[in-house]
PDB file of all heavy atoms in Angstrom:
ATOM      1  N   MET A   1       0.775  -1.213  -0.050  1.00  0.00           N
ATOM      2  CA  MET A   1       0.010  -0.001   0.004  1.00  0.00           C
ATOM      3  C   MET A   1       0.891   1.262   0.031  1.00  0.00           C
ATOM      4  O   MET A   1       0.516   2.215  -0.665  1.00  0.00           O
ATOM      5  CB  MET A   1      -0.934  -0.003   1.240  1.00  0.00           C
ATOM      6  CG  MET A   1      -1.737   1.237   1.410  1.00  0.00           C
ATOM      7  SD  MET A   1      -2.603   1.291   3.028  1.00  0.00           S
ATOM      8  CE  MET A   1      -1.153   1.715   4.058  1.00  0.00           C
ATOM      9  N   LEU A   2       1.978   1.205   0.636  1.00  0.00           N
ATOM     10  CA  LEU A   2       2.910   2.435   0.779  1.00  0.00           C
ATOM     11  C   LEU A   2       3.517   2.691  -0.605  1.00  0.00           C
ATOM     12  O   LEU A   2       3.941   3.841  -0.811  1.00  0.00           O
ATOM     13  CB  LEU A   2       3.981   2.152   1.806  1.00  0.00           C
ATOM     14  CG  LEU A   2       3.542   2.223   3.272  1.00  0.00           C
ATOM     15  CD1 LEU A   2       4.708   1.764   4.167  1.00  0.00           C
ATOM     16  CD2 LEU A   2       2.949   3.565   3.609  1.00  0.00           C
ATOM     17  N   MET A   3       3.610   1.714  -1.453  1.00  0.00           N
ATOM     18  CA  MET A   3       4.298   1.995  -2.763  1.00  0.00           C
ATOM     19  C   MET A   3       3.509   2.869  -3.649  1.00  0.00           C
ATOM     20  O   MET A   3       4.095   3.629  -4.475  1.00  0.00           O
ATOM     21  CB  MET A   3       4.552   0.554  -3.516  1.00  0.00           C
ATOM     22  CG  MET A   3       5.491  -0.348  -2.762  1.00  0.00           C
ATOM     23  SD  MET A   3       5.609  -1.931  -3.659  1.00  0.00           S
ATOM     24  CE  MET A   3       6.071  -3.026  -2.314  1.00  0.00           C
ATOM     25  N   LEU A   4       2.205   2.813  -3.563  1.00  0.00           N
ATOM     26  CA  LEU A   4       1.407   3.573  -4.505  1.00  0.00           C
ATOM     27  C   LEU A   4       1.587   5.073  -4.410  1.00  0.00           C
ATOM     28  O   LEU A   4       1.922   5.666  -5.433  1.00  0.00           O
ATOM     29  CB  LEU A   4      -0.107   3.256  -4.267  1.00  0.00           C
ATOM     30  CG  LEU A   4      -1.135   4.021  -5.166  1.00  0.00           C
ATOM     31  CD1 LEU A   4      -0.840   3.707  -6.611  1.00  0.00           C
ATOM     32  CD2 LEU A   4      -2.538   3.657  -4.770  1.00  0.00           C
ATOM     33  N   PRO A   5       1.528   5.680  -3.219  1.00  0.00           N
ATOM     34  CA  PRO A   5       1.809   7.174  -3.195  1.00  0.00           C
ATOM     35  C   PRO A   5       3.250   7.473  -3.565  1.00  0.00           C
ATOM     36  O   PRO A   5       3.518   8.601  -4.079  1.00  0.00           O
ATOM     37  CB  PRO A   5       1.534   7.493  -1.730  1.00  0.00           C
ATOM     38  CG  PRO A   5       1.581   6.225  -0.990  1.00  0.00           C
ATOM     39  CD  PRO A   5       1.108   5.180  -1.925  1.00  0.00           C
ATOM     40  N   ILE A   6       4.224   6.630  -3.277  1.00  0.00           N
ATOM     41  CA  ILE A   6       5.638   6.846  -3.670  1.00  0.00           C
ATOM     42  C   ILE A   6       5.766   6.899  -5.127  1.00  0.00           C
ATOM     43  O   ILE A   6       6.432   7.776  -5.680  1.00  0.00           O
ATOM     44  CB  ILE A   6       6.503   5.720  -3.054  1.00  0.00           C
ATOM     45  CG1 ILE A   6       6.522   5.809  -1.489  1.00  0.00           C
ATOM     46  CG2 ILE A   6       7.931   5.875  -3.609  1.00  0.00           C
ATOM     47  CD1 ILE A   6       7.085   7.106  -0.918  1.00  0.00           C
ATOM     48  N   VAL A   7       5.125   5.969  -5.844  1.00  0.00           N
ATOM     49  CA  VAL A   7       5.201   5.933  -7.320  1.00  0.00           C
ATOM     50  C   VAL A   7       4.514   7.230  -7.924  1.00  0.00           C
ATOM     51  O   VAL A   7       5.089   7.892  -8.811  1.00  0.00           O
ATOM     52  CB  VAL A   7       4.464   4.693  -7.825  1.00  0.00           C
ATOM     53  CG1 VAL A   7       4.331   4.781  -9.414  1.00  0.00           C
ATOM     54  CG2 VAL A   7       5.277   3.458  -7.507  1.00  0.00           C
ATOM     55  N   ILE A   8       3.366   7.540  -7.337  1.00  0.00           N
ATOM     56  CA  ILE A   8       2.625   8.767  -7.834  1.00  0.00           C
ATOM     57  C   ILE A   8       3.475  10.026  -7.597  1.00  0.00           C
ATOM     58  O   ILE A   8       3.622  10.833  -8.485  1.00  0.00           O
ATOM     59  CB  ILE A   8       1.313   8.891  -7.112  1.00  0.00           C
ATOM     60  CG1 ILE A   8       0.364   7.781  -7.538  1.00  0.00           C
ATOM     61  CG2 ILE A   8       0.670  10.227  -7.426  1.00  0.00           C
ATOM     62  CD1 ILE A   8      -0.948   7.736  -6.733  1.00  0.00           C
ATOM     63  N   MET A   9       4.086  10.147  -6.456  1.00  0.00           N
ATOM     64  CA  MET A   9       4.877  11.371  -6.146  1.00  0.00           C
ATOM     65  C   MET A   9       6.134  11.400  -7.031  1.00  0.00           C
ATOM     66  O   MET A   9       6.610  12.519  -7.413  1.00  0.00           O
ATOM     67  CB  MET A   9       5.240  11.440  -4.730  1.00  0.00           C
ATOM     68  CG  MET A   9       4.093  11.653  -3.739  1.00  0.00           C
ATOM     69  SD  MET A   9       2.924  12.950  -4.268  1.00  0.00           S
ATOM     70  CE  MET A   9       3.960  14.433  -4.411  1.00  0.00           C
ATOM     71  N   SER A  10       6.707  10.303  -7.357  1.00  0.00           N
ATOM     72  CA  SER A  10       7.940  10.306  -8.213  1.00  0.00           C
ATOM     73  C   SER A  10       7.555  10.824  -9.578  1.00  0.00           C
ATOM     74  O   SER A  10       8.291  11.545 -10.279  1.00  0.00           O
ATOM     75  CB  SER A  10       8.561   8.928  -8.299  1.00  0.00           C
ATOM     76  OG  SER A  10       7.673   7.981  -8.948  1.00  0.00           O
ATOM     77  N   ILE A  11       6.369  10.412 -10.086  1.00  0.00           N
ATOM     78  CA  ILE A  11       5.895  10.884 -11.439  1.00  0.00           C
ATOM     79  C   ILE A  11       5.611  12.385 -11.399  1.00  0.00           C
ATOM     80  O   ILE A  11       6.005  13.132 -12.300  1.00  0.00           O
ATOM     81  CB  ILE A  11       4.617  10.086 -11.831  1.00  0.00           C
ATOM     82  CG1 ILE A  11       4.993   8.645 -12.094  1.00  0.00           C
ATOM     83  CG2 ILE A  11       4.014  10.738 -13.051  1.00  0.00           C
ATOM     84  CD1 ILE A  11       3.762   7.727 -12.335  1.00  0.00           C
ATOM     85  N   LEU A  12       4.956  12.843 -10.308  1.00  0.00           N
ATOM     86  CA  LEU A  12       4.656  14.289 -10.220  1.00  0.00           C
ATOM     87  C   LEU A  12       5.885  15.149 -10.089  1.00  0.00           C
ATOM     88  O   LEU A  12       5.938  16.207 -10.694  1.00  0.00           O
ATOM     89  CB  LEU A  12       3.699  14.539  -8.996  1.00  0.00           C
ATOM     90  CG  LEU A  12       2.292  13.961  -9.097  1.00  0.00           C
ATOM     91  CD1 LEU A  12       1.556  14.170  -7.861  1.00  0.00           C
ATOM     92  CD2 LEU A  12       1.560  14.524 -10.298  1.00  0.00           C
ATOM     93  N   ILE A  13       6.865  14.687  -9.293  1.00  0.00           N
ATOM     94  CA  ILE A  13       8.092  15.458  -9.098  1.00  0.00           C
ATOM     95  C   ILE A  13       8.823  15.527 -10.339  1.00  0.00           C
ATOM     96  O   ILE A  13       9.306  16.638 -10.830  1.00  0.00           O
ATOM     97  CB  ILE A  13       8.994  14.800  -8.036  1.00  0.00           C
ATOM     98  CG1 ILE A  13       8.405  14.881  -6.655  1.00  0.00           C
ATOM     99  CG2 ILE A  13      10.391  15.433  -8.021  1.00  0.00           C
ATOM    100  CD1 ILE A  13       8.336  16.319  -6.080  1.00  0.00           C
ATOM    101  N   TRP A  14       8.910  14.497 -11.152  1.00  0.00           N
ATOM    102  CA  TRP A  14       9.605  14.475 -12.406  1.00  0.00           C
ATOM    103  C   TRP A  14       9.011  15.286 -13.501  1.00  0.00           C
ATOM    104  O   TRP A  14       9.702  16.069 -14.154  1.00  0.00           O
ATOM    105  CB  TRP A  14       9.841  13.048 -12.890  1.00  0.00           C
ATOM    106  CG  TRP A  14      10.658  12.927 -14.191  1.00  0.00           C
ATOM    107  CD1 TRP A  14      10.201  12.685 -15.446  1.00  0.00           C
ATOM    108  CD2 TRP A  14      12.070  13.042 -14.299  1.00  0.00           C
ATOM    109  NE1 TRP A  14      11.211  12.715 -16.320  1.00  0.00           N
ATOM    110  CE2 TRP A  14      12.390  12.960 -15.666  1.00  0.00           C
ATOM    111  CE3 TRP A  14      13.072  13.324 -13.347  1.00  0.00           C
ATOM    112  CZ2 TRP A  14      13.709  13.043 -16.115  1.00  0.00           C
ATOM    113  CZ3 TRP A  14      14.381  13.379 -13.831  1.00  0.00           C
ATOM    114  CH2 TRP A  14      14.708  13.270 -15.188  1.00  0.00           C
ATOM    115  N   PHE A  15       7.706  15.212 -13.634  1.00  0.00           N
ATOM    116  CA  PHE A  15       7.053  15.891 -14.752  1.00  0.00           C
ATOM    117  C   PHE A  15       6.456  17.260 -14.421  1.00  0.00           C
ATOM    118  O   PHE A  15       6.268  18.025 -15.284  1.00  0.00           O
ATOM    119  CB  PHE A  15       5.899  15.005 -15.318  1.00  0.00           C
ATOM    120  CG  PHE A  15       6.359  13.803 -16.056  1.00  0.00           C
ATOM    121  CD1 PHE A  15       6.314  12.511 -15.444  1.00  0.00           C
ATOM    122  CD2 PHE A  15       6.908  13.908 -17.361  1.00  0.00           C
ATOM    123  CE1 PHE A  15       6.754  11.394 -16.103  1.00  0.00           C
ATOM    124  CE2 PHE A  15       7.301  12.765 -18.060  1.00  0.00           C
ATOM    125  CZ  PHE A  15       7.294  11.522 -17.410  1.00  0.00           C
ATOM    126  N   TRP A  16       6.314  17.572 -13.142  1.00  0.00           N
ATOM    127  CA  TRP A  16       5.629  18.874 -12.771  1.00  0.00           C
ATOM    128  C   TRP A  16       6.579  19.848 -12.032  1.00  0.00           C
ATOM    129  O   TRP A  16       6.071  20.920 -11.623  1.00  0.00           O
ATOM    130  CB  TRP A  16       4.420  18.548 -11.924  1.00  0.00           C
ATOM    131  CG  TRP A  16       3.230  18.184 -12.757  1.00  0.00           C
ATOM    132  CD1 TRP A  16       3.230  17.661 -14.011  1.00  0.00           C
ATOM    133  CD2 TRP A  16       1.854  18.323 -12.393  1.00  0.00           C
ATOM    134  NE1 TRP A  16       1.931  17.476 -14.458  1.00  0.00           N
ATOM    135  CE2 TRP A  16       1.081  17.837 -13.470  1.00  0.00           C
ATOM    136  CE3 TRP A  16       1.157  18.794 -11.284  1.00  0.00           C
ATOM    137  CZ2 TRP A  16      -0.315  17.817 -13.476  1.00  0.00           C
ATOM    138  CZ3 TRP A  16      -0.228  18.724 -11.248  1.00  0.00           C
ATOM    139  CH2 TRP A  16      -0.925  18.267 -12.308  1.00  0.00           C
ATOM    140  N   THR A  17       7.792  19.495 -11.860  1.00  0.00           N
ATOM    141  CA  THR A  17       8.730  20.467 -11.322  1.00  0.00           C
ATOM    142  C   THR A  17       9.886  20.708 -12.228  1.00  0.00           C
ATOM    143  O   THR A  17      10.291  19.832 -12.932  1.00  0.00           O
ATOM    144  CB  THR A  17       9.258  20.007  -9.928  1.00  0.00           C
ATOM    145  OG1 THR A  17      10.123  18.866 -10.179  1.00  0.00           O
ATOM    146  CG2 THR A  17       8.083  19.651  -8.993  1.00  0.00           C
ATOM    147  N   PRO A  18      10.403  21.963 -12.195  1.00  0.00           N
ATOM    148  CA  PRO A  18      11.567  22.292 -13.071  1.00  0.00           C
ATOM    149  C   PRO A  18      12.845  21.875 -12.349  1.00  0.00           C
ATOM    150  O   PRO A  18      12.892  21.671 -11.099  1.00  0.00           O
ATOM    151  CB  PRO A  18      11.473  23.797 -13.257  1.00  0.00           C
ATOM    152  CG  PRO A  18      10.885  24.277 -11.892  1.00  0.00           C
ATOM    153  CD  PRO A  18       9.908  23.095 -11.521  1.00  0.00           C
ATOM    154  N   GLU A  19      13.899  21.763 -13.162  1.00  0.00           N
ATOM    155  CA  GLU A  19      15.161  21.486 -12.540  1.00  0.00           C
ATOM    156  C   GLU A  19      15.784  22.776 -12.124  1.00  0.00           C
ATOM    157  O   GLU A  19      15.662  23.769 -12.731  1.00  0.00           O
ATOM    158  CB  GLU A  19      16.105  20.746 -13.515  1.00  0.00           C
ATOM    159  CG  GLU A  19      17.351  20.164 -12.942  1.00  0.00           C
ATOM    160  CD  GLU A  19      17.029  19.256 -11.755  1.00  0.00           C
ATOM    161  OE1 GLU A  19      16.955  19.858 -10.631  1.00  0.00           O
ATOM    162  OE2 GLU A  19      16.910  18.112 -11.915  1.00  0.00           O
ATOM    163  N   THR A  20      16.546  22.725 -11.007  1.00  0.00           N
ATOM    164  CA  THR A  20      17.238  23.934 -10.530  1.00  0.00           C
ATOM    165  C   THR A  20      18.365  24.288 -11.558  1.00  0.00           C
ATOM    166  O   THR A  20      19.209  23.375 -11.829  1.00  0.00           O
ATOM    167  CB  THR A  20      17.879  23.693  -9.171  1.00  0.00           C
ATOM    168  OG1 THR A  20      16.806  23.167  -8.285  1.00  0.00           O
ATOM    169  CG2 THR A  20      18.509  24.957  -8.623  1.00  0.00           C
ATOM    170  N   PRO A  21      18.369  25.527 -12.064  1.00  0.00           N
ATOM    171  CA  PRO A  21      19.421  25.954 -12.955  1.00  0.00           C
ATOM    172  C   PRO A  21      20.818  25.780 -12.445  1.00  0.00           C
ATOM    173  O   PRO A  21      21.002  25.965 -11.237  1.00  0.00           O
ATOM    174  CB  PRO A  21      19.085  27.373 -13.308  1.00  0.00           C
ATOM    175  CG  PRO A  21      17.594  27.524 -12.912  1.00  0.00           C
ATOM    176  CD  PRO A  21      17.424  26.589 -11.825  1.00  0.00           C
ATOM    177  N   LYS A  22      21.782  25.459 -13.319  1.00  0.00           N
ATOM    178  CA  LYS A  22      23.134  25.391 -12.887  1.00  0.00           C
ATOM    179  C   LYS A  22      23.656  26.729 -12.520  1.00  0.00           C
ATOM    180  O   LYS A  22      23.374  27.752 -13.077  1.00  0.00           O
ATOM    181  CB  LYS A  22      24.006  24.762 -14.021  1.00  0.00           C
ATOM    182  CG  LYS A  22      23.667  23.348 -14.395  1.00  0.00           C
ATOM    183  CD  LYS A  22      23.981  22.380 -13.287  1.00  0.00           C
ATOM    184  CE  LYS A  22      23.665  20.924 -13.725  1.00  0.00           C
ATOM    185  NZ  LYS A  22      23.998  19.939 -12.705  1.00  0.00           N
ATOM    186  N   THR A  23      24.452  26.809 -11.398  1.00  0.00           N
ATOM    187  CA  THR A  23      25.028  28.079 -10.979  1.00  0.00           C
ATOM    188  C   THR A  23      26.428  28.307 -11.520  1.00  0.00           C
ATOM    189  O   THR A  23      26.989  29.370 -11.298  1.00  0.00           O
ATOM    190  CB  THR A  23      25.102  28.034  -9.406  1.00  0.00           C
ATOM    191  OG1 THR A  23      25.965  27.005  -9.024  1.00  0.00           O
ATOM    192  CG2 THR A  23      23.716  27.875  -8.848  1.00  0.00           C
ATOM    193  N   GLY A  24      26.962  27.291 -12.243  1.00  0.00           N
ATOM    194  CA  GLY A  24      28.362  27.410 -12.725  1.00  0.00           C
ATOM    195  C   GLY A  24      29.307  26.861 -11.832  1.00  0.00           C
ATOM    196  O   GLY A  24      30.500  26.696 -12.172  1.00  0.00           O
ATOM    197  N   GLU A  25      28.927  26.503 -10.570  1.00  0.00           N
ATOM    198  CA  GLU A  25      29.835  25.938  -9.615  1.00  0.00           C
ATOM    199  C   GLU A  25      29.871  24.420  -9.790  1.00  0.00           C
ATOM    200  O   GLU A  25      28.793  23.815  -9.845  1.00  0.00           O
ATOM    201  CB  GLU A  25      29.456  26.323  -8.213  1.00  0.00           C
ATOM    202  CG  GLU A  25      29.519  27.823  -7.926  1.00  0.00           C
ATOM    203  CD  GLU A  25      28.941  28.248  -6.607  1.00  0.00           C
ATOM    204  OE1 GLU A  25      28.674  27.265  -5.782  1.00  0.00           O
ATOM    205  OE2 GLU A  25      28.777  29.405  -6.327  1.00  0.00           O
ATOM    206  N   THR A  26      31.035  23.803  -9.740  1.00  0.00           N
ATOM    207  CA  THR A  26      31.147  22.322  -9.833  1.00  0.00           C
ATOM    208  C   THR A  26      31.890  21.800  -8.644  1.00  0.00           C
ATOM    209  O   THR A  26      32.960  21.155  -8.836  1.00  0.00           O
ATOM    210  CB  THR A  26      31.823  21.977 -11.175  1.00  0.00           C
ATOM    211  OG1 THR A  26      33.122  22.635 -11.183  1.00  0.00           O
ATOM    212  CG2 THR A  26      31.015  22.428 -12.329  1.00  0.00           C
ATOM    213  N   ASN A  27      31.438  22.067  -7.476  1.00  0.00           N
ATOM    214  CA  ASN A  27      32.081  21.628  -6.294  1.00  0.00           C
ATOM    215  C   ASN A  27      32.045  20.122  -6.083  1.00  0.00           C
ATOM    216  O   ASN A  27      31.002  19.485  -6.428  1.00  0.00           O
ATOM    217  CB  ASN A  27      31.468  22.310  -5.060  1.00  0.00           C
ATOM    218  CG  ASN A  27      32.501  22.510  -3.912  1.00  0.00           C
ATOM    219  OD1 ASN A  27      33.652  22.236  -4.112  1.00  0.00           O
ATOM    220  ND2 ASN A  27      32.044  23.035  -2.809  1.00  0.00           N
ATOM    221  N   THR A  28      33.119  19.533  -5.668  1.00  0.00           N
ATOM    222  CA  THR A  28      33.058  18.071  -5.375  1.00  0.00           C
ATOM    223  C   THR A  28      32.426  17.790  -3.998  1.00  0.00           C
ATOM    224  O   THR A  28      32.159  18.739  -3.257  1.00  0.00           O
ATOM    225  CB  THR A  28      34.483  17.548  -5.332  1.00  0.00           C
ATOM    226  OG1 THR A  28      35.206  18.130  -4.229  1.00  0.00           O
ATOM    227  CG2 THR A  28      35.249  17.842  -6.662  1.00  0.00           C
ATOM    228  N   ILE A  29      32.180  16.531  -3.761  1.00  0.00           N
ATOM    229  CA  ILE A  29      31.568  16.144  -2.465  1.00  0.00           C
ATOM    230  C   ILE A  29      32.501  16.601  -1.296  1.00  0.00           C
ATOM    231  O   ILE A  29      32.025  17.162  -0.327  1.00  0.00           O
ATOM    232  CB  ILE A  29      31.334  14.615  -2.431  1.00  0.00           C
ATOM    233  CG1 ILE A  29      30.218  14.241  -3.430  1.00  0.00           C
ATOM    234  CG2 ILE A  29      30.900  14.239  -0.950  1.00  0.00           C
ATOM    235  CD1 ILE A  29      29.887  12.764  -3.459  1.00  0.00           C
ATOM    236  N   LEU A  30      33.790  16.308  -1.461  1.00  0.00           N
ATOM    237  CA  LEU A  30      34.687  16.685  -0.418  1.00  0.00           C
ATOM    238  C   LEU A  30      34.792  18.185  -0.300  1.00  0.00           C
ATOM    239  O   LEU A  30      34.931  18.689   0.812  1.00  0.00           O
ATOM    240  CB  LEU A  30      36.186  16.139  -0.711  1.00  0.00           C
ATOM    241  CG  LEU A  30      36.322  14.613  -0.525  1.00  0.00           C
ATOM    242  CD1 LEU A  30      37.710  14.210  -0.942  1.00  0.00           C
ATOM    243  CD2 LEU A  30      36.029  14.197   0.843  1.00  0.00           C
ATOM    244  N   GLY A  31      34.702  18.888  -1.429  1.00  0.00           N
ATOM    245  CA  GLY A  31      34.667  20.321  -1.397  1.00  0.00           C
ATOM    246  C   GLY A  31      33.392  20.846  -0.660  1.00  0.00           C
ATOM    247  O   GLY A  31      33.495  21.788   0.072  1.00  0.00           O
ATOM    248  N   SER A  32      32.307  20.235  -0.920  1.00  0.00           N
ATOM    249  CA  SER A  32      31.079  20.627  -0.228  1.00  0.00           C
ATOM    250  C   SER A  32      31.161  20.449   1.308  1.00  0.00           C
ATOM    251  O   SER A  32      30.599  21.208   2.047  1.00  0.00           O
ATOM    252  CB  SER A  32      29.877  19.721  -0.794  1.00  0.00           C
ATOM    253  OG  SER A  32      29.657  20.033  -2.135  1.00  0.00           O
ATOM    254  N   LEU A  33      31.894  19.423   1.674  1.00  0.00           N
ATOM    255  CA  LEU A  33      32.019  19.169   3.138  1.00  0.00           C
ATOM    256  C   LEU A  33      32.926  20.153   3.808  1.00  0.00           C
ATOM    257  O   LEU A  33      33.043  20.145   5.068  1.00  0.00           O
ATOM    258  CB  LEU A  33      32.585  17.762   3.353  1.00  0.00           C
ATOM    259  CG  LEU A  33      31.548  16.623   3.056  1.00  0.00           C
ATOM    260  CD1 LEU A  33      32.215  15.198   3.267  1.00  0.00           C
ATOM    261  CD2 LEU A  33      30.319  16.680   4.013  1.00  0.00           C
ATOM    262  N   GLU A  34      33.586  21.015   3.049  1.00  0.00           N
ATOM    263  CA  GLU A  34      34.424  22.115   3.701  1.00  0.00           C
ATOM    264  C   GLU A  34      33.609  23.050   4.521  1.00  0.00           C
ATOM    265  O   GLU A  34      34.145  23.814   5.310  1.00  0.00           O
ATOM    266  CB  GLU A  34      35.122  22.850   2.589  1.00  0.00           C
ATOM    267  CG  GLU A  34      36.236  22.057   1.937  1.00  0.00           C
ATOM    268  CD  GLU A  34      37.030  22.910   0.958  1.00  0.00           C
ATOM    269  OE1 GLU A  34      36.750  24.098   0.756  1.00  0.00           O
ATOM    270  OE2 GLU A  34      38.023  22.412   0.354  1.00  0.00           O
ATOM    271  N   VAL A  35      32.254  23.035   4.347  1.00  0.00           N
ATOM    272  CA  VAL A  35      31.378  23.831   5.270  1.00  0.00           C
ATOM    273  C   VAL A  35      31.608  23.453   6.691  1.00  0.00           C
ATOM    274  O   VAL A  35      31.228  24.238   7.585  1.00  0.00           O
ATOM    275  CB  VAL A  35      29.933  23.759   4.822  1.00  0.00           C
ATOM    276  CG1 VAL A  35      29.682  24.309   3.462  1.00  0.00           C
ATOM    277  CG2 VAL A  35      29.363  22.399   4.929  1.00  0.00           C
ATOM    278  N   LEU A  36      32.102  22.294   6.947  1.00  0.00           N
ATOM    279  CA  LEU A  36      32.357  21.875   8.357  1.00  0.00           C
ATOM    280  C   LEU A  36      33.398  22.662   9.033  1.00  0.00           C
ATOM    281  O   LEU A  36      33.490  22.612  10.322  1.00  0.00           O
ATOM    282  CB  LEU A  36      32.649  20.363   8.375  1.00  0.00           C
ATOM    283  CG  LEU A  36      31.539  19.419   8.123  1.00  0.00           C
ATOM    284  CD1 LEU A  36      32.036  17.939   7.976  1.00  0.00           C
ATOM    285  CD2 LEU A  36      30.464  19.486   9.177  1.00  0.00           C
ATOM    286  N   LYS A  37      34.177  23.417   8.254  1.00  0.00           N
ATOM    287  CA  LYS A  37      35.229  24.242   8.917  1.00  0.00           C
ATOM    288  C   LYS A  37      34.676  25.476   9.513  1.00  0.00           C
ATOM    289  O   LYS A  37      35.358  26.222  10.255  1.00  0.00           O
ATOM    290  CB  LYS A  37      36.355  24.595   7.904  1.00  0.00           C
ATOM    291  CG  LYS A  37      35.924  25.539   6.801  1.00  0.00           C
ATOM    292  CD  LYS A  37      37.079  25.762   5.810  1.00  0.00           C
ATOM    293  CE  LYS A  37      36.633  26.653   4.652  1.00  0.00           C
ATOM    294  NZ  LYS A  37      37.760  26.850   3.697  1.00  0.00           N
ATOM    295  N   TYR A  38      33.400  25.763   9.293  1.00  0.00           N
ATOM    296  CA  TYR A  38      32.743  26.936   9.778  1.00  0.00           C
ATOM    297  C   TYR A  38      32.009  26.623  11.069  1.00  0.00           C
ATOM    298  O   TYR A  38      31.219  25.632  11.087  1.00  0.00           O
ATOM    299  CB  TYR A  38      31.820  27.566   8.799  1.00  0.00           C
ATOM    300  CG  TYR A  38      32.515  28.045   7.450  1.00  0.00           C
ATOM    301  CD1 TYR A  38      32.261  27.347   6.287  1.00  0.00           C
ATOM    302  CD2 TYR A  38      33.318  29.092   7.453  1.00  0.00           C
ATOM    303  CE1 TYR A  38      32.917  27.688   5.105  1.00  0.00           C
ATOM    304  CE2 TYR A  38      33.958  29.482   6.233  1.00  0.00           C
ATOM    305  CZ  TYR A  38      33.831  28.780   5.086  1.00  0.00           C
ATOM    306  OH  TYR A  38      34.446  29.136   3.938  1.00  0.00           O
ATOM    307  N   LYS A  39      32.130  27.484  12.097  1.00  0.00           N
ATOM    308  CA  LYS A  39      31.507  27.156  13.319  1.00  0.00           C
ATOM    309  C   LYS A  39      29.991  27.158  13.250  1.00  0.00           C
ATOM    310  O   LYS A  39      29.264  26.437  14.008  1.00  0.00           O
ATOM    311  CB  LYS A  39      31.897  28.178  14.389  1.00  0.00           C
ATOM    312  CG  LYS A  39      31.506  29.564  14.111  1.00  0.00           C
ATOM    313  CD  LYS A  39      32.004  30.598  15.185  1.00  0.00           C
ATOM    314  CE  LYS A  39      31.613  32.051  14.858  1.00  0.00           C
ATOM    315  NZ  LYS A  39      32.173  32.953  15.856  1.00  0.00           N
ATOM    316  N   ASN A  40      29.404  27.941  12.283  1.00  0.00           N
ATOM    317  CA  ASN A  40      27.970  27.968  12.120  1.00  0.00           C
ATOM    318  C   ASN A  40      27.416  26.600  11.806  1.00  0.00           C
ATOM    319  O   ASN A  40      26.222  26.255  12.136  1.00  0.00           O
ATOM    320  CB  ASN A  40      27.529  28.959  11.043  1.00  0.00           C
ATOM    321  CG  ASN A  40      27.627  30.471  11.561  1.00  0.00           C
ATOM    322  OD1 ASN A  40      27.413  30.716  12.716  1.00  0.00           O
ATOM    323  ND2 ASN A  40      27.984  31.329  10.620  1.00  0.00           N
ATOM    324  N   SER A  41      28.171  25.805  10.988  1.00  0.00           N
ATOM    325  CA  SER A  41      27.698  24.471  10.688  1.00  0.00           C
ATOM    326  C   SER A  41      27.532  23.592  11.960  1.00  0.00           C
ATOM    327  O   SER A  41      26.532  22.846  12.115  1.00  0.00           O
ATOM    328  CB  SER A  41      28.714  23.780   9.768  1.00  0.00           C
ATOM    329  OG  SER A  41      28.810  24.467   8.544  1.00  0.00           O
ATOM    330  N   TRP A  42      28.418  23.738  12.837  1.00  0.00           N
ATOM    331  CA  TRP A  42      28.442  22.981  14.074  1.00  0.00           C
ATOM    332  C   TRP A  42      27.411  23.463  15.098  1.00  0.00           C
ATOM    333  O   TRP A  42      26.693  22.671  15.738  1.00  0.00           O
ATOM    334  CB  TRP A  42      29.802  22.913  14.718  1.00  0.00           C
ATOM    335  CG  TRP A  42      30.870  22.236  13.880  1.00  0.00           C
ATOM    336  CD1 TRP A  42      31.682  22.796  13.006  1.00  0.00           C
ATOM    337  CD2 TRP A  42      31.020  20.849  13.825  1.00  0.00           C
ATOM    338  NE1 TRP A  42      32.473  21.814  12.403  1.00  0.00           N
ATOM    339  CE2 TRP A  42      32.111  20.637  12.903  1.00  0.00           C
ATOM    340  CE3 TRP A  42      30.516  19.757  14.550  1.00  0.00           C
ATOM    341  CZ2 TRP A  42      32.608  19.357  12.623  1.00  0.00           C
ATOM    342  CZ3 TRP A  42      31.024  18.474  14.238  1.00  0.00           C
ATOM    343  CH2 TRP A  42      32.010  18.269  13.263  1.00  0.00           C
ATOM    344  N   VAL A  43      27.226  24.831  15.134  1.00  0.00           N
ATOM    345  CA  VAL A  43      26.241  25.423  16.036  1.00  0.00           C
ATOM    346  C   VAL A  43      24.842  24.991  15.607  1.00  0.00           C
ATOM    347  O   VAL A  43      23.975  24.593  16.373  1.00  0.00           O
ATOM    348  CB  VAL A  43      26.409  26.955  16.126  1.00  0.00           C
ATOM    349  CG1 VAL A  43      25.281  27.534  16.889  1.00  0.00           C
ATOM    350  CG2 VAL A  43      27.697  27.257  16.769  1.00  0.00           C
ATOM    351  N   LEU A  44      24.576  25.106  14.266  1.00  0.00           N
ATOM    352  CA  LEU A  44      23.248  24.763  13.750  1.00  0.00           C
ATOM    353  C   LEU A  44      22.949  23.267  13.981  1.00  0.00           C
ATOM    354  O   LEU A  44      21.839  22.856  14.206  1.00  0.00           O
ATOM    355  CB  LEU A  44      23.125  25.202  12.293  1.00  0.00           C
ATOM    356  CG  LEU A  44      23.121  26.719  11.960  1.00  0.00           C
ATOM    357  CD1 LEU A  44      23.054  26.899  10.495  1.00  0.00           C
ATOM    358  CD2 LEU A  44      22.000  27.388  12.679  1.00  0.00           C
ATOM    359  N   SER A  45      24.002  22.454  13.759  1.00  0.00           N
ATOM    360  CA  SER A  45      23.808  21.024  14.007  1.00  0.00           C
ATOM    361  C   SER A  45      23.449  20.736  15.454  1.00  0.00           C
ATOM    362  O   SER A  45      22.639  19.911  15.728  1.00  0.00           O
ATOM    363  CB  SER A  45      25.098  20.304  13.598  1.00  0.00           C
ATOM    364  OG  SER A  45      25.387  20.414  12.216  1.00  0.00           O
TER     365      SER A  45
END
């Protein structure tokens, strides 16, 4: 029973939402994790 709404929502998300435009930044996963060097990341966590 849980599969039905999951399938429906995947179809709606794919066909009824736009993709976020590229910002020109191509940061790697390790690069993205550099936010951990900021104290705000730890405080918010």
